[in-house]
Every structure is written in C-alpha cells, then in structure tokens.
N, C-alpha and C. Protein backbone atom coordinates (compact mmCIF):
# COMPACT_ATOMS: atom_id res chain seq x y z
N UNK A 1 0.81 -1.19 0.00
CA UNK A 1 0.00 0.00 0.00
C UNK A 1 0.85 1.25 0.00
N UNK A 2 0.21 2.40 0.10
CA UNK A 2 0.92 3.67 0.11
C UNK A 2 1.87 3.78 1.30
N UNK A 3 2.94 4.54 1.12
CA UNK A 3 3.91 4.80 2.18
C UNK A 3 3.25 5.65 3.25
N UNK A 4 3.46 5.32 4.52
CA UNK A 4 2.79 6.04 5.60
C UNK A 4 3.27 7.47 5.75
N UNK A 5 4.51 7.78 5.34
CA UNK A 5 5.02 9.15 5.44
C UNK A 5 4.56 10.03 4.28
N UNK A 6 4.25 9.43 3.16
CA UNK A 6 3.81 10.16 1.98
C UNK A 6 2.58 9.46 1.42
N UNK A 7 1.41 9.70 2.00
CA UNK A 7 0.20 9.02 1.54
C UNK A 7 0.01 9.16 0.03
N UNK A 8 -0.36 8.06 -0.59
CA UNK A 8 -0.60 8.06 -2.02
C UNK A 8 0.60 7.66 -2.85
N UNK A 9 1.78 7.57 -2.23
CA UNK A 9 2.99 7.20 -2.96
C UNK A 9 3.48 5.83 -2.50
N UNK A 10 3.94 5.04 -3.46
CA UNK A 10 4.48 3.71 -3.17
C UNK A 10 5.86 3.58 -3.79
N UNK A 11 6.68 2.73 -3.20
CA UNK A 11 8.01 2.42 -3.72
C UNK A 11 8.83 3.70 -3.94
N UNK A 12 8.95 4.49 -2.89
CA UNK A 12 9.66 5.78 -2.95
C UNK A 12 11.17 5.54 -3.01
N UNK A 13 11.84 6.31 -3.87
CA UNK A 13 13.30 6.27 -4.01
C UNK A 13 13.84 7.70 -4.04
N UNK A 14 15.13 7.84 -3.78
CA UNK A 14 15.79 9.14 -3.82
C UNK A 14 17.11 9.00 -4.59
N UNK A 15 17.43 10.04 -5.37
CA UNK A 15 18.67 10.06 -6.14
C UNK A 15 19.12 11.48 -6.36
N UNK A 16 20.31 11.63 -6.93
CA UNK A 16 20.87 12.94 -7.24
C UNK A 16 20.59 13.23 -8.71
N UNK A 17 19.99 14.40 -8.98
CA UNK A 17 19.62 14.78 -10.35
C UNK A 17 20.83 15.31 -11.11
N UNK A 18 20.99 14.85 -12.33
CA UNK A 18 22.05 15.36 -13.21
C UNK A 18 21.70 16.80 -13.61
N UNK A 19 22.73 17.62 -13.82
CA UNK A 19 22.54 19.03 -14.18
C UNK A 19 21.66 19.15 -15.43
N UNK A 20 20.60 19.94 -15.27
CA UNK A 20 19.67 20.26 -16.37
C UNK A 20 18.97 19.05 -16.98
N UNK A 21 18.95 17.92 -16.27
CA UNK A 21 18.29 16.71 -16.76
C UNK A 21 17.48 16.06 -15.63
N UNK A 22 16.29 16.57 -15.34
CA UNK A 22 15.49 16.06 -14.22
C UNK A 22 15.20 14.57 -14.28
N UNK A 23 15.21 13.99 -15.46
CA UNK A 23 14.91 12.57 -15.58
C UNK A 23 16.11 11.66 -15.45
N UNK A 24 17.30 12.25 -15.29
CA UNK A 24 18.53 11.46 -15.19
C UNK A 24 19.05 11.54 -13.76
N UNK A 25 19.04 10.40 -13.06
CA UNK A 25 19.40 10.38 -11.65
C UNK A 25 20.56 9.45 -11.38
N UNK A 26 21.39 9.85 -10.42
CA UNK A 26 22.52 9.05 -9.99
C UNK A 26 22.11 8.16 -8.83
N UNK A 27 22.33 6.87 -8.98
CA UNK A 27 22.18 5.90 -7.89
C UNK A 27 20.92 6.06 -7.05
N UNK A 28 19.80 5.62 -7.59
CA UNK A 28 18.56 5.64 -6.81
C UNK A 28 18.67 4.70 -5.61
N UNK A 29 18.19 5.16 -4.46
CA UNK A 29 18.15 4.37 -3.23
C UNK A 29 16.71 4.33 -2.73
N UNK A 30 16.28 3.22 -2.14
CA UNK A 30 14.94 3.17 -1.54
C UNK A 30 14.80 4.27 -0.48
N UNK A 31 13.66 4.90 -0.46
CA UNK A 31 13.41 5.99 0.49
C UNK A 31 13.45 5.57 1.94
N UNK A 32 13.24 4.30 2.21
CA UNK A 32 13.26 3.83 3.60
C UNK A 32 14.58 3.15 3.96
N UNK A 33 15.61 3.30 3.12
CA UNK A 33 16.92 2.72 3.42
C UNK A 33 17.50 3.42 4.65
N UNK A 34 18.25 2.70 5.49
CA UNK A 34 18.84 3.31 6.68
C UNK A 34 19.88 4.38 6.33
N UNK A 35 20.48 4.29 5.14
CA UNK A 35 21.47 5.28 4.70
C UNK A 35 21.54 5.24 3.18
N UNK A 36 21.99 6.34 2.61
CA UNK A 36 22.22 6.42 1.17
C UNK A 36 23.46 7.28 0.96
N UNK A 37 24.26 6.94 -0.04
CA UNK A 37 25.44 7.76 -0.30
C UNK A 37 25.67 7.86 -1.80
N UNK A 38 26.28 8.95 -2.19
CA UNK A 38 26.61 9.22 -3.58
C UNK A 38 28.01 9.81 -3.64
N UNK A 39 28.72 9.51 -4.70
CA UNK A 39 30.00 10.14 -4.98
C UNK A 39 29.81 10.97 -6.23
N UNK A 40 30.01 12.28 -6.10
CA UNK A 40 29.79 13.20 -7.21
C UNK A 40 31.13 13.62 -7.80
N UNK A 41 31.29 13.41 -9.09
CA UNK A 41 32.47 13.89 -9.78
C UNK A 41 32.34 15.41 -9.93
N UNK A 42 33.36 16.13 -9.50
CA UNK A 42 33.30 17.59 -9.63
C UNK A 42 34.70 18.18 -9.64
N UNK A 43 34.76 19.45 -10.00
CA UNK A 43 36.00 20.22 -10.02
C UNK A 43 35.78 21.46 -9.18
N UNK A 44 36.78 21.79 -8.38
CA UNK A 44 36.70 23.00 -7.55
C UNK A 44 37.88 23.90 -7.91
N UNK A 45 37.58 25.19 -8.03
CA UNK A 45 38.66 26.14 -8.29
C UNK A 45 38.41 27.41 -7.50
N UNK A 46 39.49 28.03 -7.07
CA UNK A 46 39.39 29.27 -6.30
C UNK A 46 39.15 30.43 -7.24
N UNK A 47 38.23 31.31 -6.85
CA UNK A 47 37.95 32.53 -7.60
C UNK A 47 37.97 33.70 -6.62
N UNK A 48 37.83 34.90 -7.13
CA UNK A 48 37.79 36.08 -6.27
C UNK A 48 36.59 36.04 -5.32
N UNK A 49 35.54 35.32 -5.71
CA UNK A 49 34.33 35.21 -4.88
C UNK A 49 34.31 33.98 -3.99
N UNK A 50 35.37 33.18 -4.02
CA UNK A 50 35.41 31.96 -3.22
C UNK A 50 35.64 30.75 -4.10
N UNK A 51 35.26 29.59 -3.62
CA UNK A 51 35.46 28.35 -4.36
C UNK A 51 34.27 28.10 -5.28
N UNK A 52 34.57 27.84 -6.54
CA UNK A 52 33.54 27.52 -7.53
C UNK A 52 33.59 26.03 -7.82
N UNK A 53 32.48 25.35 -7.63
CA UNK A 53 32.39 23.91 -7.85
C UNK A 53 31.54 23.65 -9.09
N UNK A 54 32.06 22.82 -9.98
CA UNK A 54 31.32 22.46 -11.20
C UNK A 54 31.37 20.94 -11.38
N UNK A 55 30.45 20.43 -12.14
CA UNK A 55 30.42 19.00 -12.43
C UNK A 55 29.07 18.59 -12.97
N UNK A 56 28.95 17.34 -13.42
CA UNK A 56 27.72 16.89 -14.06
C UNK A 56 26.50 16.87 -13.15
N UNK A 57 26.70 16.89 -11.83
CA UNK A 57 25.56 16.87 -10.90
C UNK A 57 25.46 18.15 -10.08
N UNK A 58 26.25 19.17 -10.45
CA UNK A 58 26.22 20.45 -9.75
C UNK A 58 25.36 21.41 -10.57
N UNK A 59 24.24 21.82 -9.99
CA UNK A 59 23.34 22.77 -10.65
C UNK A 59 23.90 24.18 -10.48
N UNK A 60 23.60 25.07 -11.42
CA UNK A 60 24.08 26.44 -11.36
C UNK A 60 22.97 27.37 -11.82
N UNK A 61 22.31 27.97 -10.87
CA UNK A 61 21.20 28.89 -11.17
C UNK A 61 21.48 30.22 -10.48
N UNK A 62 20.70 31.21 -10.82
CA UNK A 62 20.79 32.47 -10.09
C UNK A 62 20.63 32.16 -8.62
N UNK A 63 21.49 32.70 -7.81
CA UNK A 63 21.41 32.41 -6.38
C UNK A 63 22.41 31.37 -5.93
N UNK A 64 23.11 30.74 -6.86
CA UNK A 64 24.19 29.86 -6.45
C UNK A 64 24.17 28.46 -7.00
N UNK A 65 25.19 27.73 -6.60
CA UNK A 65 25.36 26.34 -7.02
C UNK A 65 24.79 25.42 -5.95
N UNK A 66 24.25 24.29 -6.42
CA UNK A 66 23.62 23.36 -5.49
C UNK A 66 23.51 21.98 -6.13
N UNK A 67 23.14 21.01 -5.30
CA UNK A 67 22.86 19.65 -5.73
C UNK A 67 21.39 19.39 -5.46
N UNK A 68 20.70 18.79 -6.42
CA UNK A 68 19.30 18.40 -6.22
C UNK A 68 19.23 16.96 -5.74
N UNK A 69 18.55 16.73 -4.61
CA UNK A 69 18.13 15.39 -4.22
C UNK A 69 16.68 15.27 -4.67
N UNK A 70 16.38 14.27 -5.46
CA UNK A 70 15.03 14.09 -6.00
C UNK A 70 14.38 12.84 -5.44
N UNK A 71 13.15 12.99 -4.94
CA UNK A 71 12.36 11.87 -4.43
C UNK A 71 11.26 11.57 -5.43
N UNK A 72 10.98 10.30 -5.61
CA UNK A 72 9.90 9.91 -6.50
C UNK A 72 9.54 8.45 -6.31
N UNK A 73 8.61 8.02 -7.11
CA UNK A 73 8.18 6.62 -7.07
C UNK A 73 8.81 5.88 -8.25
N UNK A 74 9.00 4.59 -8.07
CA UNK A 74 9.50 3.73 -9.14
C UNK A 74 8.41 2.70 -9.41
N UNK A 75 7.93 2.67 -10.67
CA UNK A 75 6.85 1.73 -10.99
C UNK A 75 7.41 0.35 -11.35
N UNK A 76 6.52 -0.57 -11.70
CA UNK A 76 6.92 -1.95 -11.98
C UNK A 76 7.88 -2.05 -13.17
N UNK A 77 7.81 -1.09 -14.09
CA UNK A 77 8.71 -1.08 -15.25
C UNK A 77 10.04 -0.40 -14.95
N UNK A 78 10.19 0.13 -13.72
CA UNK A 78 11.43 0.80 -13.33
C UNK A 78 11.44 2.28 -13.65
N UNK A 79 10.29 2.85 -14.04
CA UNK A 79 10.21 4.27 -14.38
C UNK A 79 10.10 5.11 -13.12
N UNK A 80 10.98 6.11 -12.98
CA UNK A 80 10.99 7.02 -11.84
C UNK A 80 10.11 8.22 -12.15
N UNK A 81 9.22 8.57 -11.22
CA UNK A 81 8.36 9.76 -11.35
C UNK A 81 8.57 10.64 -10.13
N UNK A 82 9.23 11.78 -10.34
CA UNK A 82 9.57 12.67 -9.24
C UNK A 82 8.33 13.36 -8.67
N UNK A 83 8.28 13.48 -7.34
CA UNK A 83 7.21 14.25 -6.71
C UNK A 83 7.76 15.32 -5.77
N UNK A 84 9.05 15.28 -5.47
CA UNK A 84 9.64 16.29 -4.58
C UNK A 84 11.15 16.30 -4.78
N UNK A 85 11.75 17.49 -4.60
CA UNK A 85 13.21 17.57 -4.61
C UNK A 85 13.66 18.66 -3.66
N UNK A 86 14.92 18.55 -3.24
CA UNK A 86 15.50 19.50 -2.30
C UNK A 86 16.81 20.02 -2.87
N UNK A 87 17.08 21.30 -2.62
CA UNK A 87 18.35 21.90 -3.02
C UNK A 87 19.32 21.84 -1.85
N UNK A 88 20.49 21.27 -2.09
CA UNK A 88 21.57 21.29 -1.11
C UNK A 88 22.55 22.36 -1.58
N UNK A 89 22.48 23.53 -0.95
CA UNK A 89 23.19 24.72 -1.40
C UNK A 89 24.66 24.72 -0.97
N UNK A 90 25.55 24.99 -1.92
CA UNK A 90 26.96 25.13 -1.59
C UNK A 90 27.19 26.37 -0.73
N UNK A 91 26.35 27.38 -0.86
CA UNK A 91 26.50 28.60 -0.05
C UNK A 91 26.27 28.33 1.44
N UNK A 92 25.65 27.19 1.78
CA UNK A 92 25.44 26.83 3.18
C UNK A 92 26.67 26.17 3.81
N UNK A 93 27.68 25.89 3.01
CA UNK A 93 28.92 25.31 3.52
C UNK A 93 29.85 26.47 3.90
N UNK A 94 30.41 26.40 5.11
CA UNK A 94 31.33 27.44 5.56
C UNK A 94 32.46 27.58 4.54
N UNK A 95 32.84 28.83 4.18
CA UNK A 95 33.90 29.04 3.18
C UNK A 95 35.20 28.30 3.49
N UNK A 96 35.59 28.26 4.77
CA UNK A 96 36.83 27.57 5.13
C UNK A 96 36.73 26.07 4.86
N UNK A 97 35.56 25.51 5.09
CA UNK A 97 35.35 24.08 4.85
C UNK A 97 35.41 23.78 3.36
N UNK A 98 34.79 24.64 2.56
CA UNK A 98 34.81 24.45 1.11
C UNK A 98 36.22 24.62 0.56
N UNK A 99 36.98 25.59 1.09
CA UNK A 99 38.37 25.79 0.66
C UNK A 99 39.22 24.57 1.00
N UNK A 100 39.04 24.01 2.20
CA UNK A 100 39.78 22.81 2.59
C UNK A 100 39.42 21.63 1.69
N UNK A 101 38.15 21.53 1.33
CA UNK A 101 37.71 20.45 0.43
C UNK A 101 38.35 20.62 -0.94
N UNK A 102 38.45 21.86 -1.42
CA UNK A 102 39.07 22.11 -2.73
C UNK A 102 40.54 21.71 -2.70
N UNK A 103 41.22 21.98 -1.59
CA UNK A 103 42.64 21.62 -1.47
C UNK A 103 42.83 20.10 -1.40
N UNK A 104 41.97 19.44 -0.64
CA UNK A 104 42.13 17.99 -0.44
C UNK A 104 41.52 17.15 -1.56
N UNK A 105 40.57 17.74 -2.28
CA UNK A 105 39.88 17.00 -3.33
C UNK A 105 38.78 16.10 -2.81
N UNK A 106 38.35 16.35 -1.55
CA UNK A 106 37.32 15.49 -0.95
C UNK A 106 36.45 16.30 0.00
N UNK A 107 35.15 16.06 -0.07
CA UNK A 107 34.20 16.67 0.86
C UNK A 107 33.11 15.65 1.13
N UNK A 108 32.86 15.40 2.40
CA UNK A 108 31.77 14.51 2.80
C UNK A 108 30.70 15.35 3.47
N UNK A 109 29.48 15.19 3.03
CA UNK A 109 28.36 15.89 3.65
C UNK A 109 27.39 14.87 4.22
N UNK A 110 26.78 15.23 5.33
CA UNK A 110 25.78 14.35 5.95
C UNK A 110 24.49 15.14 6.13
N UNK A 111 23.40 14.46 5.86
CA UNK A 111 22.10 15.09 5.93
C UNK A 111 21.13 14.12 6.59
N UNK A 112 20.50 14.57 7.66
CA UNK A 112 19.46 13.75 8.28
C UNK A 112 18.15 13.96 7.55
N UNK A 113 17.47 12.88 7.25
CA UNK A 113 16.21 13.01 6.50
C UNK A 113 15.06 12.62 7.37
C-alpha cells in the first residue's frame, strides 16, 4: 500500500539529479533505506568570490550552485516519477570548509532526513 510518510505514494526512491536533466538520476536508493550515499564527480577552483564547484551533478542557477536530491516513485517497469526535490546549497557550507575540500579533493556531507 501507500507509504505512511507520503500518503498516495508507493516504492519511494531518492537520487541525485544530473545538471539540467530532471529525468537522469545518480544511484537511486529506496526511500526507507537506513542510509544512502553518492559520490559526485566535480571540479573545484578558487575565484575572487570563493570556491567555484562544477560538475555533471552540480546545478548552477541564479542564487548559487547546489545539488538536487530528487524523491519519487518507481513503478513496476522501473520508471521514476519525481514528486519532490530539495536543493543542497553550496553557499550553506562554511567558506573555510569548502576551501579545505578544494585543497584535499574530498568533501563529505551528511544530511538527516
């Protein structure tokens, strides 16, 4: 039957949306999984305004760069239908943390859902 947290939705999954391609998602995970992780290929470079991060899963809109987490249902044929997404904003990362990540080439983020 429907998921108790999202009435009307079944077989909920979450993934990272590719830049400018809402239908292309990286590593779908069941919405009720105890944990989910993704490794995003990206490039970071220092600019006069701070660290600029680019890559196939880094969105770039007015207001800044971010990653979309997309939630949706997966039907019997494996088709994903998005019903909600969240922006994980790079501007919410402390500048010193982002600079250290650019130097090391690694950044781990954790998000409670």
